[in-house]
Amino acid sequence: MIIIVAFSILTGKPADQAGGGDHAEKTGENAAAERKNSKEEGKGEASGAGVSSDNAASEGEADETATGGGEDAAESQTVSGPAENQEVEIAENENDPNVIKTVVNPSWKPVGTVQSGQHVTRYDEGTVDRREMDRAMAYAAGLAEDDMIVWWVGHGGEPNRNVIGTITSKDQTKIFRVYLEWVDGQGWKPVKLQYLRENDKKR
């Protein structure tokens, strides 16, 4: 106590201020250190923000690239083909006034068959060959088999290879003459279709 009082008298400072000098200096040093750390953290945060921004930009570019690739893939998968029932009208030198127009369809295919071996044409109703003919004629005309009347089927050129049939819709508002050709192992294939004004096979 005597020493502290003597120091106070000599320096002119209160005893509590004199004792707190070391503390004040330490507090100042701590504050400076905190400010330094704060600045370094601020730099770190700014640097981190820059990295995040760059990463975000990279991710955005990646997303754009992925999106663009998806569009290209979608376009490459879009393939247009001929219409399944696209008819092409053909001009024929005919003197048949009953024919409105004659058409062919490039998409026509054989209707299939359960027959094997050498083909022999059968016109009788109920035979396998006749049922397959009926199916091919309905297919060519775009009719359902249960919405079709077969009025006549006969020889149409080469034996066991070509036939001609006259058919109508059940309400008889649509009248057709159908030309068929036999394809071995594949069945009857439509090759020509004529739209008729009247049913010339109606009894």
C-alpha atoms as a PDB file:
ATOM      1  CA  MET A   1       0.000   0.000   0.000  1.00  0.00           C
ATOM      2  CA  ILE A   2       2.791   2.399   0.862  1.00  0.00           C
ATOM      3  CA  ILE A   3       4.428   1.732  -2.498  1.00  0.00           C
ATOM      4  CA  ILE A   4       1.173   2.252  -4.406  1.00  0.00           C
ATOM      5  CA  VAL A   5       0.394   5.501  -2.569  1.00  0.00           C
ATOM      6  CA  ALA A   6       3.916   6.749  -3.209  1.00  0.00           C
ATOM      7  CA  PHE A   7       3.600   5.875  -6.916  1.00  0.00           C
ATOM      8  CA  SER A   8       0.284   7.677  -7.104  1.00  0.00           C
ATOM      9  CA  ILE A   9       1.730  10.762  -5.511  1.00  0.00           C
ATOM     10  CA  LEU A  10       4.710  10.782  -7.865  1.00  0.00           C
ATOM     11  CA  THR A  11       2.746  10.138 -11.084  1.00  0.00           C
ATOM     12  CA  GLY A  12      -0.366  12.084 -10.174  1.00  0.00           C
ATOM     13  CA  LYS A  13      -2.682   9.135 -11.262  1.00  0.00           C
ATOM     14  CA  PRO A  14      -5.189   7.371  -9.106  1.00  0.00           C
ATOM     15  CA  ALA A  15      -4.167   3.975  -7.856  1.00  0.00           C
ATOM     16  CA  ASP A  16      -6.901   2.122  -9.740  1.00  0.00           C
ATOM     17  CA  GLN A  17      -5.866   3.719 -13.064  1.00  0.00           C
ATOM     18  CA  ALA A  18      -2.248   2.889 -12.410  1.00  0.00           C
ATOM     19  CA  GLY A  19      -3.112  -0.736 -11.703  1.00  0.00           C
ATOM     20  CA  GLY A  20      -5.267  -0.970 -14.854  1.00  0.00           C
ATOM     21  CA  GLY A  21      -2.537   0.149 -17.239  1.00  0.00           C
ATOM     22  CA  ASP A  22      -1.429  -3.328 -18.082  1.00  0.00           C
ATOM     23  CA  HIS A  23      -5.038  -4.363 -18.566  1.00  0.00           C
ATOM     24  CA  ALA A  24      -5.683  -1.422 -20.896  1.00  0.00           C
ATOM     25  CA  GLU A  25      -2.652  -2.252 -22.973  1.00  0.00           C
ATOM     26  CA  LYS A  26      -3.733  -5.875 -23.190  1.00  0.00           C
ATOM     27  CA  THR A  27      -7.265  -4.795 -24.106  1.00  0.00           C
ATOM     28  CA  GLY A  28      -5.898  -2.611 -26.884  1.00  0.00           C
ATOM     29  CA  GLU A  29      -3.779  -5.447 -28.192  1.00  0.00           C
ATOM     30  CA  ASN A  30      -6.777  -7.784 -28.102  1.00  0.00           C
ATOM     31  CA  ALA A  31      -8.903  -5.262 -29.989  1.00  0.00           C
ATOM     32  CA  ALA A  32      -6.217  -4.861 -32.640  1.00  0.00           C
ATOM     33  CA  ALA A  33      -5.949  -8.628 -32.983  1.00  0.00           C
ATOM     34  CA  GLU A  34      -9.734  -8.930 -33.313  1.00  0.00           C
ATOM     35  CA  ARG A  35      -9.787  -6.227 -35.990  1.00  0.00           C
ATOM     36  CA  LYS A  36      -7.038  -8.054 -37.870  1.00  0.00           C
ATOM     37  CA  ASN A  37      -8.889 -11.355 -37.618  1.00  0.00           C
ATOM     38  CA  SER A  38     -12.090  -9.632 -38.713  1.00  0.00           C
ATOM     39  CA  LYS A  39     -10.359  -8.244 -41.793  1.00  0.00           C
ATOM     40  CA  GLU A  40      -8.907 -11.641 -42.646  1.00  0.00           C
ATOM     41  CA  GLU A  41     -12.325 -13.256 -42.227  1.00  0.00           C
ATOM     42  CA  GLY A  42     -13.826 -10.567 -44.434  1.00  0.00           C
ATOM     43  CA  LYS A  43     -11.245 -11.318 -47.101  1.00  0.00           C
ATOM     44  CA  GLY A  44     -11.937 -15.016 -46.727  1.00  0.00           C
ATOM     45  CA  GLU A  45     -15.668 -14.462 -47.102  1.00  0.00           C
ATOM     46  CA  ALA A  46     -15.150 -12.264 -50.140  1.00  0.00           C
ATOM     47  CA  SER A  47     -12.850 -14.860 -51.638  1.00  0.00           C
ATOM     48  CA  GLY A  48     -15.386 -17.610 -50.864  1.00  0.00           C
ATOM     49  CA  ALA A  49     -18.140 -15.561 -52.453  1.00  0.00           C
ATOM     50  CA  GLY A  50     -16.048 -15.259 -55.588  1.00  0.00           C
ATOM     51  CA  VAL A  51     -15.578 -19.006 -55.722  1.00  0.00           C
ATOM     52  CA  SER A  52     -19.281 -19.597 -55.220  1.00  0.00           C
ATOM     53  CA  SER A  53     -20.050 -17.139 -57.996  1.00  0.00           C
ATOM     54  CA  ASP A  54     -17.627 -18.872 -60.328  1.00  0.00           C
ATOM     55  CA  ASN A  55     -19.083 -22.250 -59.390  1.00  0.00           C
ATOM     56  CA  ALA A  56     -22.593 -20.941 -59.974  1.00  0.00           C
ATOM     57  CA  ALA A  57     -21.553 -19.629 -63.376  1.00  0.00           C
ATOM     58  CA  SER A  58     -19.966 -22.969 -64.228  1.00  0.00           C
ATOM     59  CA  GLU A  59     -23.091 -24.791 -63.103  1.00  0.00           C
ATOM     60  CA  GLY A  60     -25.224 -22.434 -65.186  1.00  0.00           C
ATOM     61  CA  GLU A  61     -23.086 -23.119 -68.249  1.00  0.00           C
ATOM     62  CA  ALA A  62     -23.320 -26.848 -67.552  1.00  0.00           C
ATOM     63  CA  ASP A  63     -27.105 -26.554 -67.284  1.00  0.00           C
ATOM     64  CA  GLU A  64     -27.270 -24.648 -70.572  1.00  0.00           C
ATOM     65  CA  THR A  65     -25.058 -27.232 -72.221  1.00  0.00           C
ATOM     66  CA  ALA A  66     -27.206 -30.060 -70.866  1.00  0.00           C
ATOM     67  CA  THR A  67     -30.385 -28.304 -72.013  1.00  0.00           C
ATOM     68  CA  GLY A  68     -28.985 -27.695 -75.458  1.00  0.00           C
ATOM     69  CA  GLY A  69     -27.934 -31.314 -75.723  1.00  0.00           C
ATOM     70  CA  GLY A  70     -31.426 -32.434 -74.765  1.00  0.00           C
ATOM     71  CA  GLU A  71     -32.967 -30.302 -77.507  1.00  0.00           C
ATOM     72  CA  ASP A  72     -30.543 -31.663 -80.083  1.00  0.00           C
ATOM     73  CA  ALA A  73     -31.334 -35.214 -78.970  1.00  0.00           C
ATOM     74  CA  ALA A  74     -35.075 -34.563 -79.223  1.00  0.00           C
ATOM     75  CA  GLU A  75     -34.648 -33.153 -82.738  1.00  0.00           C
ATOM     76  CA  SER A  76     -32.518 -36.085 -83.828  1.00  0.00           C
ATOM     77  CA  GLN A  77     -35.180 -38.507 -82.587  1.00  0.00           C
ATOM     78  CA  THR A  78     -37.925 -36.759 -84.557  1.00  0.00           C
ATOM     79  CA  VAL A  79     -38.158 -38.655 -87.812  1.00  0.00           C
ATOM     80  CA  SER A  80     -40.976 -38.092 -90.267  1.00  0.00           C
ATOM     81  CA  GLY A  81     -42.181 -40.943 -92.462  1.00  0.00           C
ATOM     82  CA  PRO A  82     -44.838 -41.520 -95.108  1.00  0.00           C
ATOM     83  CA  ALA A  83     -48.425 -41.544 -93.935  1.00  0.00           C
ATOM     84  CA  GLU A  84     -49.718 -45.053 -93.270  1.00  0.00           C
ATOM     85  CA  ASN A  85     -52.802 -44.540 -95.438  1.00  0.00           C
ATOM     86  CA  GLN A  86     -51.431 -42.125 -98.019  1.00  0.00           C
ATOM     87  CA  GLU A  87     -53.163 -42.800-101.322  1.00  0.00           C
ATOM     88  CA  VAL A  88     -51.711 -41.744-104.668  1.00  0.00           C
ATOM     89  CA  GLU A  89     -54.150 -41.255-107.515  1.00  0.00           C
ATOM     90  CA  ILE A  90     -53.010 -42.636-110.836  1.00  0.00           C
ATOM     91  CA  ALA A  91     -54.329 -41.926-114.311  1.00  0.00           C
ATOM     92  CA  GLU A  92     -55.325 -44.917-116.400  1.00  0.00           C
ATOM     93  CA  ASN A  93     -56.586 -45.080-119.953  1.00  0.00           C
ATOM     94  CA  GLU A  94     -59.902 -46.657-119.094  1.00  0.00           C
ATOM     95  CA  ASN A  95     -63.224 -46.478-120.816  1.00  0.00           C
ATOM     96  CA  ASP A  96     -65.101 -47.532-117.687  1.00  0.00           C
ATOM     97  CA  PRO A  97     -67.434 -44.657-116.769  1.00  0.00           C
ATOM     98  CA  ASN A  98     -68.190 -46.399-113.476  1.00  0.00           C
ATOM     99  CA  VAL A  99     -64.695 -45.667-112.123  1.00  0.00           C
ATOM    100  CA  ILE A 100     -64.435 -42.405-110.198  1.00  0.00           C
ATOM    101  CA  LYS A 101     -60.704 -42.690-109.561  1.00  0.00           C
ATOM    102  CA  THR A 102     -57.931 -45.271-109.274  1.00  0.00           C
ATOM    103  CA  VAL A 103     -55.389 -45.121-106.451  1.00  0.00           C
ATOM    104  CA  VAL A 104     -52.364 -46.992-105.138  1.00  0.00           C
ATOM    105  CA  ASN A 105     -50.813 -46.765-101.684  1.00  0.00           C
ATOM    106  CA  PRO A 106     -47.038 -47.223-101.211  1.00  0.00           C
ATOM    107  CA  SER A 107     -47.592 -48.292 -97.593  1.00  0.00           C
ATOM    108  CA  TRP A 108     -49.726 -51.323 -98.472  1.00  0.00           C
ATOM    109  CA  LYS A 109     -48.201 -54.583 -97.270  1.00  0.00           C
ATOM    110  CA  PRO A 110     -49.221 -58.269 -97.493  1.00  0.00           C
ATOM    111  CA  VAL A 111     -51.759 -59.111 -94.785  1.00  0.00           C
ATOM    112  CA  GLY A 112     -50.056 -62.348 -93.728  1.00  0.00           C
ATOM    113  CA  THR A 113     -50.983 -65.975 -94.258  1.00  0.00           C
ATOM    114  CA  VAL A 114     -51.125 -69.324 -92.503  1.00  0.00           C
ATOM    115  CA  GLN A 115     -50.764 -71.133 -95.845  1.00  0.00           C
ATOM    116  CA  SER A 116     -47.557 -72.843 -96.882  1.00  0.00           C
ATOM    117  CA  GLY A 117     -46.279 -74.627 -99.955  1.00  0.00           C
ATOM    118  CA  GLN A 118     -47.426 -73.913-103.490  1.00  0.00           C
ATOM    119  CA  HIS A 119     -50.334 -71.486-103.437  1.00  0.00           C
ATOM    120  CA  VAL A 120     -53.651 -72.394-105.051  1.00  0.00           C
ATOM    121  CA  THR A 121     -56.342 -69.710-105.147  1.00  0.00           C
ATOM    122  CA  ARG A 122     -59.637 -70.680-103.487  1.00  0.00           C
ATOM    123  CA  TYR A 123     -62.672 -68.483-104.083  1.00  0.00           C
ATOM    124  CA  ASP A 124     -65.164 -70.455-101.978  1.00  0.00           C
ATOM    125  CA  GLU A 125     -66.441 -68.685 -98.881  1.00  0.00           C
ATOM    126  CA  GLY A 126     -65.126 -70.092 -95.631  1.00  0.00           C
ATOM    127  CA  THR A 127     -61.812 -71.331 -97.057  1.00  0.00           C
ATOM    128  CA  VAL A 128     -58.580 -70.030 -95.560  1.00  0.00           C
ATOM    129  CA  ASP A 129     -57.574 -68.405 -98.845  1.00  0.00           C
ATOM    130  CA  ARG A 130     -60.905 -66.615 -99.241  1.00  0.00           C
ATOM    131  CA  ARG A 131     -60.822 -65.311 -95.656  1.00  0.00           C
ATOM    132  CA  GLU A 132     -57.352 -63.918 -96.278  1.00  0.00           C
ATOM    133  CA  MET A 133     -58.577 -62.283 -99.499  1.00  0.00           C
ATOM    134  CA  ASP A 134     -61.434 -60.631 -97.608  1.00  0.00           C
ATOM    135  CA  ARG A 135     -58.993 -59.329 -95.018  1.00  0.00           C
ATOM    136  CA  ALA A 136     -56.766 -57.836 -97.723  1.00  0.00           C
ATOM    137  CA  MET A 137     -59.703 -56.146 -99.483  1.00  0.00           C
ATOM    138  CA  ALA A 138     -60.978 -54.594 -96.256  1.00  0.00           C
ATOM    139  CA  TYR A 139     -57.448 -53.409 -95.472  1.00  0.00           C
ATOM    140  CA  ALA A 140     -57.088 -51.734 -98.878  1.00  0.00           C
ATOM    141  CA  ALA A 141     -60.433 -49.933 -98.625  1.00  0.00           C
ATOM    142  CA  GLY A 142     -59.951 -48.883 -95.001  1.00  0.00           C
ATOM    143  CA  LEU A 143     -63.017 -50.803 -93.867  1.00  0.00           C
ATOM    144  CA  ALA A 144     -63.526 -53.099 -90.900  1.00  0.00           C
ATOM    145  CA  GLU A 145     -64.275 -56.670 -91.967  1.00  0.00           C
ATOM    146  CA  ASP A 146     -67.555 -56.584 -90.048  1.00  0.00           C
ATOM    147  CA  ASP A 147     -68.499 -53.391 -91.941  1.00  0.00           C
ATOM    148  CA  MET A 148     -67.936 -54.862 -95.407  1.00  0.00           C
ATOM    149  CA  ILE A 149     -69.973 -56.785 -97.976  1.00  0.00           C
ATOM    150  CA  VAL A 150     -68.062 -58.842-100.552  1.00  0.00           C
ATOM    151  CA  TRP A 151     -70.142 -58.912-103.740  1.00  0.00           C
ATOM    152  CA  TRP A 152     -67.766 -60.698-106.056  1.00  0.00           C
ATOM    153  CA  VAL A 153     -64.231 -62.143-106.179  1.00  0.00           C
ATOM    154  CA  GLY A 154     -62.679 -63.534-109.352  1.00  0.00           C
ATOM    155  CA  HIS A 155     -59.624 -64.194-111.443  1.00  0.00           C
ATOM    156  CA  GLY A 156     -57.568 -61.079-112.034  1.00  0.00           C
ATOM    157  CA  GLY A 157     -54.680 -62.039-114.298  1.00  0.00           C
ATOM    158  CA  GLU A 158     -52.032 -64.640-113.559  1.00  0.00           C
ATOM    159  CA  PRO A 159     -53.567 -67.852-112.104  1.00  0.00           C
ATOM    160  CA  ASN A 160     -53.058 -68.356-108.363  1.00  0.00           C
ATOM    161  CA  ARG A 161     -51.471 -64.926-108.168  1.00  0.00           C
ATOM    162  CA  ASN A 162     -53.933 -62.130-109.040  1.00  0.00           C
ATOM    163  CA  VAL A 163     -57.567 -61.625-108.049  1.00  0.00           C
ATOM    164  CA  ILE A 164     -60.124 -58.810-108.274  1.00  0.00           C
ATOM    165  CA  GLY A 165     -62.947 -58.208-105.821  1.00  0.00           C
ATOM    166  CA  THR A 166     -65.910 -55.850-105.591  1.00  0.00           C
ATOM    167  CA  ILE A 167     -66.837 -54.732-102.081  1.00  0.00           C
ATOM    168  CA  THR A 168     -68.955 -52.103-100.369  1.00  0.00           C
ATOM    169  CA  SER A 169     -69.452 -50.782 -96.892  1.00  0.00           C
ATOM    170  CA  LYS A 170     -72.428 -52.324 -95.110  1.00  0.00           C
ATOM    171  CA  ASP A 171     -74.562 -49.278 -95.785  1.00  0.00           C
ATOM    172  CA  GLN A 172     -73.460 -49.534 -99.456  1.00  0.00           C
ATOM    173  CA  THR A 173     -72.478 -45.879 -99.638  1.00  0.00           C
ATOM    174  CA  LYS A 174     -68.831 -46.751-100.404  1.00  0.00           C
ATOM    175  CA  ILE A 175     -68.141 -48.974-103.405  1.00  0.00           C
ATOM    176  CA  PHE A 176     -64.703 -50.341-104.336  1.00  0.00           C
ATOM    177  CA  ARG A 177     -62.992 -52.623-106.805  1.00  0.00           C
ATOM    178  CA  VAL A 178     -59.849 -54.093-105.247  1.00  0.00           C
ATOM    179  CA  TYR A 179     -56.888 -55.671-107.051  1.00  0.00           C
ATOM    180  CA  LEU A 180     -54.814 -58.163-105.044  1.00  0.00           C
ATOM    181  CA  GLU A 181     -51.528 -59.946-105.660  1.00  0.00           C
ATOM    182  CA  TRP A 182     -50.268 -63.068-103.893  1.00  0.00           C
ATOM    183  CA  VAL A 183     -46.837 -62.845-102.216  1.00  0.00           C
ATOM    184  CA  ASP A 184     -45.360 -66.234-101.313  1.00  0.00           C
ATOM    185  CA  GLY A 185     -45.064 -66.723 -97.570  1.00  0.00           C
ATOM    186  CA  GLN A 186     -46.671 -63.320 -96.858  1.00  0.00           C
ATOM    187  CA  GLY A 187     -50.195 -63.530 -98.227  1.00  0.00           C
ATOM    188  CA  TRP A 188     -52.414 -61.251-100.279  1.00  0.00           C
ATOM    189  CA  LYS A 189     -51.254 -57.698-100.915  1.00  0.00           C
ATOM    190  CA  PRO A 190     -53.433 -54.879-102.331  1.00  0.00           C
ATOM    191  CA  VAL A 191     -51.913 -53.333-105.458  1.00  0.00           C
ATOM    192  CA  LYS A 192     -54.714 -51.084-106.742  1.00  0.00           C
ATOM    193  CA  LEU A 193     -58.037 -49.670-105.543  1.00  0.00           C
ATOM    194  CA  GLN A 194     -60.820 -48.168-107.640  1.00  0.00           C
ATOM    195  CA  TYR A 195     -63.638 -45.998-106.316  1.00  0.00           C
ATOM    196  CA  LEU A 196     -66.854 -46.873-108.159  1.00  0.00           C
ATOM    197  CA  ARG A 197     -70.010 -44.888-108.811  1.00  0.00           C
ATOM    198  CA  GLU A 198     -72.282 -47.922-108.738  1.00  0.00           C
ATOM    199  CA  ASN A 199     -72.082 -51.515-107.585  1.00  0.00           C
ATOM    200  CA  ASP A 200     -71.849 -53.341-110.916  1.00  0.00           C
ATOM    201  CA  LYS A 201     -71.945 -56.731-109.159  1.00  0.00           C
ATOM    202  CA  LYS A 202     -75.161 -56.156-107.260  1.00  0.00           C
ATOM    203  CA  ARG A 203     -77.758 -58.729-108.270  1.00  0.00           C
END
